[in-house]
Amino acid sequence: MTASSGPTPAPIDADIRAEMQAERRARMRATLVPVITVIGLILLWQAVVVLLHVPAYIAPAPTQVMATMVSDWANLAANLWPTLIESVAGFVLGNLIAVLLATAFVYSRSVEQAFYPIAVFINTIPILAIAPILVLLFGPGMSGKVVIAALISFFPTLVNMVRGLKSLSPQMLELARICSASPAEVFWKFRLPASMPYLFSALRIAATTSVIGALVGEWVGSDQGLGALIIEATFNYRSGLLYATVILSSGLSVAMFAMVALAEKLFLRWRP
């Protein structure tokens, strides 16, 4: 009788290939489904405008909006840059202050009791109500819009970062104490890594709200930026330019959200 040569690795390889193909199909489906949905909505929009004879000054067809984006691209691009700078600067400033303040809250109960209610109170004020005050304080330049964008980005990051820094389990803190870790080592090696998922969840929100803050600041008082262009197009009944500006503003928000998502994948490779 011939001795058994043992199991062959072919079935295992087949299972791995099947898993890889299934994962590839899932990624492709996750990409195609939203793309097909967006295309379908655009076609529906075009059909409704054409079939119902909707006036162009109320709702232009997608083809008209695209034509406006091409013909007025120089104007759109010139107003995109101020909004982009204000959004990014406000995003960085607001989140930096939120992270620093959250760290102070975790390590000082007195600081948290003193300033956390103030942060909550400021967050309850509608941004449309506080924006004129900030524009008056900081002037009609970019600084006021940056502060508004920072303010609207600040609170979600503060709340999530405090929760993340406090999410460290008592067992991990006890392990750090047994290892004679200093407070700085506990922060950098234990608390900060544990807070990263919470932080990036907040940054995803802040990436889009910072654009909203910049637009609101431009609505209140500015002669440049996408927000100012929206106001101008509205009062001049240039609906094609209005829709094109709104789409460009949305694209800016999506781009910032995507950048945060990419940074999360790069920095949190250890997460499943």
Protein backbone atom coordinates (compact mmCIF):
# COMPACT_ATOMS: atom_id res chain seq x y z
CA MET A 1 0.00 0.00 0.00
CA THR A 2 1.17 3.49 -0.79
CA ALA A 3 1.74 5.78 2.18
CA SER A 4 -0.43 8.87 2.38
CA SER A 5 1.35 11.99 1.17
CA GLY A 6 -0.67 14.30 3.45
CA PRO A 7 -3.20 17.03 2.64
CA THR A 8 -2.53 19.28 -0.30
CA PRO A 9 -2.68 23.08 0.06
CA ALA A 10 -4.89 23.53 -2.99
CA PRO A 11 -8.22 23.79 -1.08
CA ILE A 12 -6.71 26.41 1.25
CA ASP A 13 -5.48 28.43 -1.71
CA ALA A 14 -8.91 28.16 -3.30
CA ASP A 15 -10.55 29.45 -0.10
CA ILE A 16 -8.17 32.41 0.04
CA ARG A 17 -8.82 33.25 -3.60
CA ALA A 18 -12.57 33.02 -3.01
CA GLU A 19 -12.31 35.37 -0.04
CA MET A 20 -10.22 37.86 -2.03
CA GLN A 21 -12.70 37.78 -4.91
CA ALA A 22 -15.62 38.27 -2.52
CA GLU A 23 -13.85 41.21 -0.90
CA ARG A 24 -13.08 42.70 -4.32
CA ARG A 25 -16.72 42.36 -5.35
CA ALA A 26 -17.84 44.00 -2.10
CA ARG A 27 -15.51 46.96 -2.65
CA MET A 28 -16.68 47.33 -6.23
CA ARG A 29 -20.32 47.20 -5.14
CA ALA A 30 -19.67 49.80 -2.42
CA THR A 31 -18.24 52.10 -5.09
CA LEU A 32 -20.73 51.47 -7.87
CA VAL A 33 -23.94 51.72 -5.83
CA PRO A 34 -23.55 55.39 -4.80
CA VAL A 35 -22.25 56.34 -8.26
CA ILE A 36 -25.25 54.72 -9.96
CA THR A 37 -27.60 56.35 -7.42
CA VAL A 38 -26.16 59.81 -8.08
CA ILE A 39 -26.39 59.33 -11.84
CA GLY A 40 -29.99 58.17 -11.49
CA LEU A 41 -30.91 61.23 -9.40
CA ILE A 42 -29.30 63.55 -11.96
CA LEU A 43 -31.25 61.90 -14.78
CA LEU A 44 -34.45 62.19 -12.73
CA TRP A 45 -33.72 65.87 -12.12
CA GLN A 46 -33.20 66.44 -15.84
CA ALA A 47 -36.41 64.61 -16.71
CA VAL A 48 -38.52 66.51 -14.16
CA VAL A 49 -37.23 69.90 -15.33
CA VAL A 50 -37.78 69.09 -19.02
CA LEU A 51 -41.13 67.30 -18.75
CA LEU A 52 -42.70 69.75 -16.29
CA HIS A 53 -41.25 72.79 -18.08
CA VAL A 54 -39.79 74.21 -14.87
CA PRO A 55 -38.51 77.76 -15.45
CA ALA A 56 -34.74 77.99 -15.50
CA TYR A 57 -34.69 80.77 -12.89
CA ILE A 58 -36.33 78.37 -10.39
CA ALA A 59 -34.56 75.09 -11.11
CA PRO A 60 -32.16 74.83 -14.05
CA ALA A 61 -31.52 71.48 -15.67
CA PRO A 62 -28.28 69.66 -14.83
CA THR A 63 -27.04 70.38 -18.35
CA GLN A 64 -27.52 74.10 -17.72
CA VAL A 65 -25.68 73.88 -14.41
CA MET A 66 -22.76 72.10 -16.06
CA ALA A 67 -22.69 74.69 -18.83
CA THR A 68 -22.57 77.44 -16.21
CA MET A 69 -19.72 75.70 -14.38
CA VAL A 70 -17.73 75.61 -17.61
CA SER A 71 -18.49 79.17 -18.70
CA ASP A 72 -18.06 80.74 -15.22
CA TRP A 73 -15.28 78.50 -13.99
CA ALA A 74 -12.82 81.39 -13.61
CA ASN A 75 -15.26 83.17 -11.29
CA LEU A 76 -16.02 79.99 -9.36
CA ALA A 77 -12.34 79.10 -8.93
CA ALA A 78 -11.47 82.62 -7.78
CA ASN A 79 -14.12 82.39 -5.04
CA LEU A 80 -13.26 78.79 -4.16
CA TRP A 81 -9.79 79.63 -2.83
CA PRO A 82 -10.89 82.00 -0.03
CA THR A 83 -13.48 79.48 1.18
CA LEU A 84 -10.93 76.66 1.02
CA ILE A 85 -8.35 78.63 3.03
CA GLU A 86 -10.94 79.68 5.64
CA SER A 87 -12.29 76.13 5.97
CA VAL A 88 -8.90 74.46 6.34
CA ALA A 89 -7.57 77.13 8.73
CA GLY A 90 -10.73 76.97 10.84
CA PHE A 91 -10.64 73.18 10.83
CA VAL A 92 -7.04 73.11 12.08
CA LEU A 93 -7.52 75.88 14.65
CA GLY A 94 -10.79 74.59 16.09
CA ASN A 95 -9.64 71.00 16.40
CA LEU A 96 -6.26 71.94 17.85
CA ILE A 97 -7.89 74.01 20.60
CA ALA A 98 -10.44 71.23 21.21
CA VAL A 99 -7.72 68.58 21.63
CA LEU A 100 -5.67 70.77 23.99
CA LEU A 101 -8.72 71.68 26.07
CA ALA A 102 -9.90 68.06 26.20
CA THR A 103 -6.47 67.04 27.52
CA ALA A 104 -6.73 69.73 30.20
CA PHE A 105 -10.20 68.47 31.14
CA VAL A 106 -8.95 64.92 31.61
CA TYR A 107 -6.03 65.90 33.82
CA SER A 108 -7.77 68.64 35.79
CA ARG A 109 -11.26 68.20 37.17
CA SER A 110 -11.38 71.88 38.18
CA VAL A 111 -10.66 73.04 34.62
CA GLU A 112 -13.38 70.75 33.28
CA GLN A 113 -15.93 72.00 35.82
CA ALA A 114 -15.05 75.62 35.02
CA PHE A 115 -14.93 75.58 31.21
CA TYR A 116 -17.02 72.64 30.00
CA PRO A 117 -20.37 74.36 30.79
CA ILE A 118 -19.13 77.46 28.94
CA ALA A 119 -18.28 75.35 25.89
CA VAL A 120 -21.73 73.77 26.01
CA PHE A 121 -23.38 77.19 26.31
CA ILE A 122 -21.47 78.59 23.33
CA ASN A 123 -22.43 75.53 21.29
CA THR A 124 -26.12 76.17 21.98
CA ILE A 125 -25.96 79.58 20.28
CA PRO A 126 -26.99 79.27 16.60
CA ILE A 127 -24.06 79.95 14.32
CA LEU A 128 -26.19 82.40 12.30
CA ALA A 129 -26.70 84.42 15.49
CA ILE A 130 -23.09 84.53 16.61
CA ALA A 131 -21.53 84.98 13.14
CA PRO A 132 -22.39 88.73 12.87
CA ILE A 133 -20.80 89.33 16.28
CA LEU A 134 -17.60 87.57 15.25
CA VAL A 135 -17.47 89.46 11.95
CA LEU A 136 -17.80 92.74 13.87
CA LEU A 137 -15.07 91.70 16.31
CA PHE A 138 -12.56 90.39 13.76
CA GLY A 139 -13.47 92.53 10.78
CA PRO A 140 -14.65 91.66 7.27
CA GLY A 141 -11.41 89.90 6.31
CA MET A 142 -10.58 86.20 6.46
CA SER A 143 -9.88 86.13 10.19
CA GLY A 144 -13.55 86.39 11.15
CA LYS A 145 -14.52 83.54 8.81
CA VAL A 146 -11.68 81.38 10.14
CA VAL A 147 -12.92 81.92 13.71
CA ILE A 148 -16.48 80.99 12.70
CA ALA A 149 -15.25 77.83 10.97
CA ALA A 150 -13.13 76.99 14.02
CA LEU A 151 -16.03 77.56 16.39
CA ILE A 152 -18.42 75.29 14.51
CA SER A 153 -15.72 72.57 14.33
CA PHE A 154 -14.68 72.89 17.96
CA PHE A 155 -17.43 71.31 20.05
CA PRO A 156 -17.82 67.86 18.38
CA THR A 157 -14.06 67.29 18.66
CA LEU A 158 -14.00 68.46 22.28
CA VAL A 159 -16.76 66.05 23.32
CA ASN A 160 -15.34 63.06 21.43
CA MET A 161 -11.77 63.71 22.53
CA VAL A 162 -12.74 63.93 26.19
CA ARG A 163 -14.65 60.68 25.84
CA GLY A 164 -11.73 59.06 24.02
CA LEU A 165 -9.11 60.11 26.56
CA LYS A 166 -11.32 58.81 29.36
CA SER A 167 -12.07 55.53 27.56
CA LEU A 168 -8.91 53.86 28.88
CA SER A 169 -9.90 50.86 30.98
CA PRO A 170 -8.97 50.68 34.69
CA GLN A 171 -6.94 47.56 33.90
CA MET A 172 -4.75 49.50 31.48
CA LEU A 173 -4.26 52.30 33.99
CA GLU A 174 -3.30 49.73 36.62
CA LEU A 175 -0.83 48.17 34.18
CA ALA A 176 0.71 51.59 33.58
CA ARG A 177 1.00 52.14 37.34
CA ILE A 178 2.65 48.75 37.83
CA CYS A 179 5.13 49.59 35.06
CA SER A 180 5.91 52.90 36.83
CA ALA A 181 4.86 54.90 33.77
CA SER A 182 5.04 58.65 34.12
CA PRO A 183 1.96 60.83 33.40
CA ALA A 184 3.49 61.78 30.05
CA GLU A 185 4.06 58.12 29.16
CA VAL A 186 0.49 57.26 30.18
CA PHE A 187 -0.79 60.00 27.88
CA TRP A 188 1.35 59.24 24.83
CA LYS A 189 1.36 55.43 25.05
CA PHE A 190 -2.08 54.69 26.53
CA ARG A 191 -4.60 57.53 26.51
CA LEU A 192 -3.77 59.08 23.12
CA PRO A 193 -3.84 55.79 21.12
CA ALA A 194 -7.12 54.84 22.81
CA SER A 195 -8.65 58.21 21.84
CA MET A 196 -7.70 58.10 18.15
CA PRO A 197 -10.89 56.38 16.90
CA TYR A 198 -12.98 58.94 18.79
CA LEU A 199 -10.88 61.80 17.44
CA PHE A 200 -11.17 60.74 13.81
CA SER A 201 -14.92 60.27 14.18
CA ALA A 202 -15.11 63.90 15.30
CA LEU A 203 -12.76 65.07 12.56
CA ARG A 204 -15.07 63.58 9.94
CA ILE A 205 -17.86 65.81 11.26
CA ALA A 206 -15.60 68.84 11.62
CA ALA A 207 -14.33 68.46 8.05
CA THR A 208 -17.79 69.25 6.69
CA THR A 209 -18.95 71.71 9.36
CA SER A 210 -15.85 73.86 8.87
CA VAL A 211 -16.97 74.50 5.28
CA ILE A 212 -20.42 75.42 6.58
CA GLY A 213 -18.85 77.85 9.04
CA ALA A 214 -16.80 79.52 6.32
CA LEU A 215 -19.89 79.86 4.09
CA VAL A 216 -21.95 81.36 6.93
CA GLY A 217 -19.20 83.89 7.63
CA GLU A 218 -19.13 84.86 3.96
CA TRP A 219 -22.91 85.24 3.92
CA VAL A 220 -22.79 87.64 6.86
CA GLY A 221 -20.15 89.96 5.51
CA SER A 222 -17.81 89.33 2.60
CA ASP A 223 -17.38 90.22 -1.05
CA GLN A 224 -15.46 87.06 -1.93
CA GLY A 225 -15.82 83.34 -1.37
CA LEU A 226 -18.44 80.79 -2.32
CA GLY A 227 -20.82 82.08 0.35
CA ALA A 228 -20.71 85.59 -1.06
CA LEU A 229 -21.15 84.17 -4.57
CA ILE A 230 -24.27 82.28 -3.44
CA ILE A 231 -25.80 85.51 -2.12
CA GLU A 232 -24.91 87.39 -5.32
CA ALA A 233 -26.34 84.67 -7.57
CA THR A 234 -29.53 84.50 -5.51
CA PHE A 235 -30.30 88.22 -5.64
CA ASN A 236 -29.45 88.40 -9.34
CA TYR A 237 -31.65 85.37 -10.17
CA ARG A 238 -28.70 83.54 -11.72
CA SER A 239 -29.96 80.11 -10.79
CA GLY A 240 -27.39 78.27 -12.89
CA LEU A 241 -24.55 79.99 -11.05
CA LEU A 242 -26.33 79.44 -7.73
CA TYR A 243 -26.63 75.70 -8.26
CA ALA A 244 -23.08 75.47 -9.57
CA THR A 245 -21.76 77.26 -6.48
CA VAL A 246 -23.74 75.00 -4.15
CA ILE A 247 -22.41 71.91 -5.93
CA LEU A 248 -18.85 73.24 -5.70
CA SER A 249 -19.32 73.92 -1.97
CA SER A 250 -20.59 70.38 -1.49
CA GLY A 251 -17.62 69.05 -3.43
CA LEU A 252 -15.28 70.95 -1.11
CA SER A 253 -16.94 69.35 1.93
CA VAL A 254 -16.69 65.89 0.37
CA ALA A 255 -13.01 66.44 -0.46
CA MET A 256 -12.19 67.45 3.11
CA PHE A 257 -14.16 64.48 4.45
CA ALA A 258 -12.23 62.17 2.12
CA MET A 259 -8.90 63.60 3.27
CA VAL A 260 -9.79 62.88 6.90
CA ALA A 261 -10.89 59.35 5.97
CA LEU A 262 -7.60 58.79 4.15
CA ALA A 263 -5.63 60.10 7.13
CA GLU A 264 -7.57 57.75 9.39
CA LYS A 265 -6.62 54.76 7.24
CA LEU A 266 -2.96 55.80 7.27
CA PHE A 267 -2.72 56.50 11.01
CA LEU A 268 -4.97 53.74 12.32
CA ARG A 269 -3.67 50.76 10.38
CA TRP A 270 -3.96 48.63 13.51
CA ARG A 271 -7.77 48.89 13.49
CA PRO A 272 -9.69 46.07 11.78
